[in-house]
Amino acid sequence: MAKALVVNHEKCNGCRKCEEVCSARHGGVANPLSSRIRIMEWQPEGVFMPVVCHQCEDAPCIAACPTMARVRDEETGKTSVDYERCISCKTCVAVCPFGASRYDPLSKRVVTCDLCDGDPQCVKACETGAITCLEKGDISKVRQYEAALKLYGAADRALRGKMART
């Protein structure tokens, strides 16, 4: 079944180990410019957000590629780049709604997450558990559970606040 990376930004501490292992795995050097995952940072708030490929069902990167170099593996469901066809026009980079496709200036290629051929190294490197790899059918269940926990927490805090005022 198809898998995808799932991010919980509330757990991310901005250590960037995911970027290091990704670039080492794919580029042979620990350099964030070669990483297929990026950590976006909002310094005033202290918020870090790993940006990953969502392995979209109706992937804009595949639809927009003028040379049909963006492809989906029918067995695993992952998207990838056929470098024999890719002309590095960066159209896929422009249309990605998550900013997950990017141009690697070191390799001079468009890069995107390939889930490390089923063994995502960023998941292993993430000590806080901010990045996980799940089967696509399980992702909505996890999101529902997380939303329920937040709702429960908000309701519990409101009830405690109301009781403290009385």
Protein backbone atom coordinates (compact mmCIF):
# COMPACT_ATOMS: atom_id res chain seq x y z
CA MET A 1 0.00 0.00 0.00
CA ALA A 2 1.09 3.59 -0.64
CA LYS A 3 2.86 5.42 2.16
CA ALA A 4 3.59 9.04 2.92
CA LEU A 5 5.46 11.06 5.50
CA VAL A 6 3.36 12.68 8.20
CA VAL A 7 4.59 15.66 10.19
CA ASN A 8 3.62 16.88 13.65
CA HIS A 9 5.23 20.33 13.76
CA GLU A 10 4.47 20.65 17.47
CA LYS A 11 7.08 17.95 18.14
CA CYS A 12 9.78 19.42 15.87
CA ASN A 13 12.61 21.10 17.78
CA GLY A 14 14.46 22.32 14.69
CA CYS A 15 17.52 20.08 15.15
CA ARG A 16 17.71 19.49 11.36
CA LYS A 17 18.95 15.91 11.72
CA CYS A 18 16.36 14.91 9.12
CA GLU A 19 17.96 17.29 6.61
CA GLU A 20 21.43 15.93 7.39
CA VAL A 21 20.55 12.25 6.95
CA CYS A 22 18.50 12.96 3.83
CA SER A 23 21.29 14.86 2.12
CA ALA A 24 23.87 12.26 3.18
CA ARG A 25 21.69 9.43 1.84
CA HIS A 26 20.95 11.10 -1.48
CA GLY A 27 23.95 13.37 -2.05
CA GLY A 28 26.71 11.68 -0.08
CA VAL A 29 27.27 14.79 2.03
CA ALA A 30 25.47 16.33 5.01
CA ASN A 31 24.39 19.55 3.30
CA PRO A 32 20.85 20.94 3.71
CA LEU A 33 20.93 22.23 0.12
CA SER A 34 20.82 18.61 -1.07
CA SER A 35 18.11 17.51 1.33
CA ARG A 36 14.68 16.52 0.06
CA ILE A 37 13.17 17.62 3.36
CA ARG A 38 13.44 21.18 4.64
CA ILE A 39 12.82 22.73 8.00
CA MET A 40 10.93 26.01 7.78
CA GLU A 41 11.50 28.23 10.77
CA TRP A 42 9.46 31.01 12.38
CA GLN A 43 12.01 32.36 14.84
CA PRO A 44 9.89 34.85 16.84
CA GLU A 45 7.45 32.08 17.72
CA GLY A 46 10.04 29.29 17.97
CA VAL A 47 8.07 27.16 15.51
CA PHE A 48 9.72 24.66 13.16
CA MET A 49 7.92 22.89 10.34
CA PRO A 50 9.39 20.00 8.36
CA VAL A 51 8.29 20.38 4.73
CA VAL A 52 7.83 17.01 3.04
CA CYS A 53 6.33 15.55 -0.10
CA HIS A 54 2.76 14.44 0.56
CA GLN A 55 2.78 11.89 -2.27
CA CYS A 56 -0.46 13.46 -3.54
CA GLU A 57 -3.03 11.18 -5.17
CA ASP A 58 -3.68 13.72 -7.93
CA ALA A 59 -0.11 15.07 -7.93
CA PRO A 60 0.21 18.51 -9.56
CA CYS A 61 3.91 17.85 -10.17
CA ILE A 62 3.07 14.86 -12.35
CA ALA A 63 0.30 16.66 -14.24
CA ALA A 64 2.45 19.74 -14.92
CA CYS A 65 5.64 18.04 -16.10
CA PRO A 66 6.10 18.85 -19.80
CA THR A 67 8.42 15.86 -20.42
CA MET A 68 6.51 13.33 -18.28
CA ALA A 69 9.61 12.94 -16.11
CA ARG A 70 7.53 13.04 -12.93
CA VAL A 71 6.12 9.56 -12.46
CA ARG A 72 4.31 7.46 -9.86
CA ASP A 73 5.34 3.94 -9.00
CA GLU A 74 2.11 1.96 -9.33
CA GLU A 75 3.19 -0.60 -6.74
CA THR A 76 4.32 1.75 -3.95
CA GLY A 77 2.39 4.90 -4.92
CA LYS A 78 5.46 7.14 -4.49
CA THR A 79 6.27 9.92 -6.91
CA SER A 80 9.74 10.25 -8.35
CA VAL A 81 11.76 11.93 -11.08
CA ASP A 82 12.99 10.12 -14.19
CA TYR A 83 16.26 11.98 -14.74
CA GLU A 84 16.56 10.60 -18.27
CA ARG A 85 13.54 12.75 -19.18
CA CYS A 86 13.86 15.66 -16.74
CA ILE A 87 15.07 18.94 -18.25
CA SER A 88 15.16 20.76 -14.88
CA CYS A 89 12.57 23.30 -16.01
CA LYS A 90 11.34 23.49 -12.39
CA THR A 91 7.65 23.46 -13.37
CA CYS A 92 7.04 20.76 -10.75
CA VAL A 93 8.69 22.98 -8.15
CA ALA A 94 6.39 25.85 -9.05
CA VAL A 95 3.16 23.84 -8.85
CA CYS A 96 3.79 21.87 -5.66
CA PRO A 97 1.21 23.18 -3.15
CA PHE A 98 3.46 22.24 -0.22
CA GLY A 99 6.80 23.50 -1.52
CA ALA A 100 8.19 19.99 -1.24
CA SER A 101 9.78 19.73 -4.68
CA ARG A 102 12.94 21.73 -4.97
CA TYR A 103 15.94 22.38 -7.14
CA ASP A 104 19.24 21.13 -5.73
CA PRO A 105 21.94 23.56 -6.86
CA LEU A 106 24.71 21.04 -6.07
CA SER A 107 23.42 18.23 -8.29
CA LYS A 108 21.67 20.70 -10.64
CA ARG A 109 18.54 18.53 -10.48
CA VAL A 110 14.98 18.78 -9.27
CA VAL A 111 14.63 16.61 -6.18
CA THR A 112 11.71 15.30 -4.19
CA CYS A 113 11.25 12.73 -1.45
CA ASP A 114 11.45 9.15 -2.65
CA LEU A 115 10.74 7.74 0.84
CA CYS A 116 14.29 6.29 0.75
CA ASP A 117 12.89 3.34 -1.18
CA GLY A 118 10.59 2.39 1.68
CA ASP A 119 12.98 3.07 4.59
CA PRO A 120 12.79 6.83 5.27
CA GLN A 121 15.97 7.87 7.03
CA CYS A 122 14.45 11.14 8.29
CA VAL A 123 11.95 9.13 10.35
CA LYS A 124 14.78 7.15 11.96
CA ALA A 125 16.79 10.31 12.67
CA CYS A 126 13.91 12.24 14.22
CA GLU A 127 14.40 11.84 17.98
CA THR A 128 11.20 13.72 18.85
CA GLY A 129 8.90 11.67 16.60
CA ALA A 130 7.86 14.73 14.60
CA ILE A 131 8.17 12.75 11.34
CA THR A 132 6.51 9.40 10.81
CA CYS A 133 5.79 7.27 7.76
CA LEU A 134 2.30 5.83 7.53
CA GLU A 135 0.15 4.02 5.05
CA LYS A 136 -2.07 6.59 3.38
CA GLY A 137 -5.24 4.97 4.71
CA ASP A 138 -4.02 5.47 8.29
CA ILE A 139 -3.17 9.16 7.94
CA SER A 140 -6.75 10.40 8.30
CA LYS A 141 -7.20 8.23 11.41
CA VAL A 142 -4.12 9.80 13.00
CA ARG A 143 -5.33 13.30 12.12
CA GLN A 144 -8.76 12.57 13.59
CA TYR A 145 -7.17 11.30 16.80
CA GLU A 146 -4.90 14.37 17.07
CA ALA A 147 -7.88 16.70 16.48
CA ALA A 148 -9.92 14.89 19.14
CA LEU A 149 -7.07 15.24 21.64
CA LYS A 150 -6.80 18.97 20.95
CA LEU A 151 -10.55 19.41 21.27
CA TYR A 152 -10.58 17.44 24.51
CA GLY A 153 -7.67 19.53 25.85
CA ALA A 154 -9.41 22.79 24.95
CA ALA A 155 -12.69 21.65 26.50
CA ASP A 156 -10.90 20.46 29.63
CA ARG A 157 -9.05 23.80 30.00
CA ALA A 158 -12.29 25.75 29.52
CA LEU A 159 -14.06 23.65 32.12
CA ARG A 160 -11.21 24.07 34.60
CA GLY A 161 -11.21 27.84 33.99
CA LYS A 162 -14.96 28.02 34.51
CA MET A 163 -14.69 26.02 37.75
CA ALA A 164 -11.86 28.24 39.04
CA ARG A 165 -13.99 31.37 38.54
CA THR A 166 -16.95 30.00 40.52
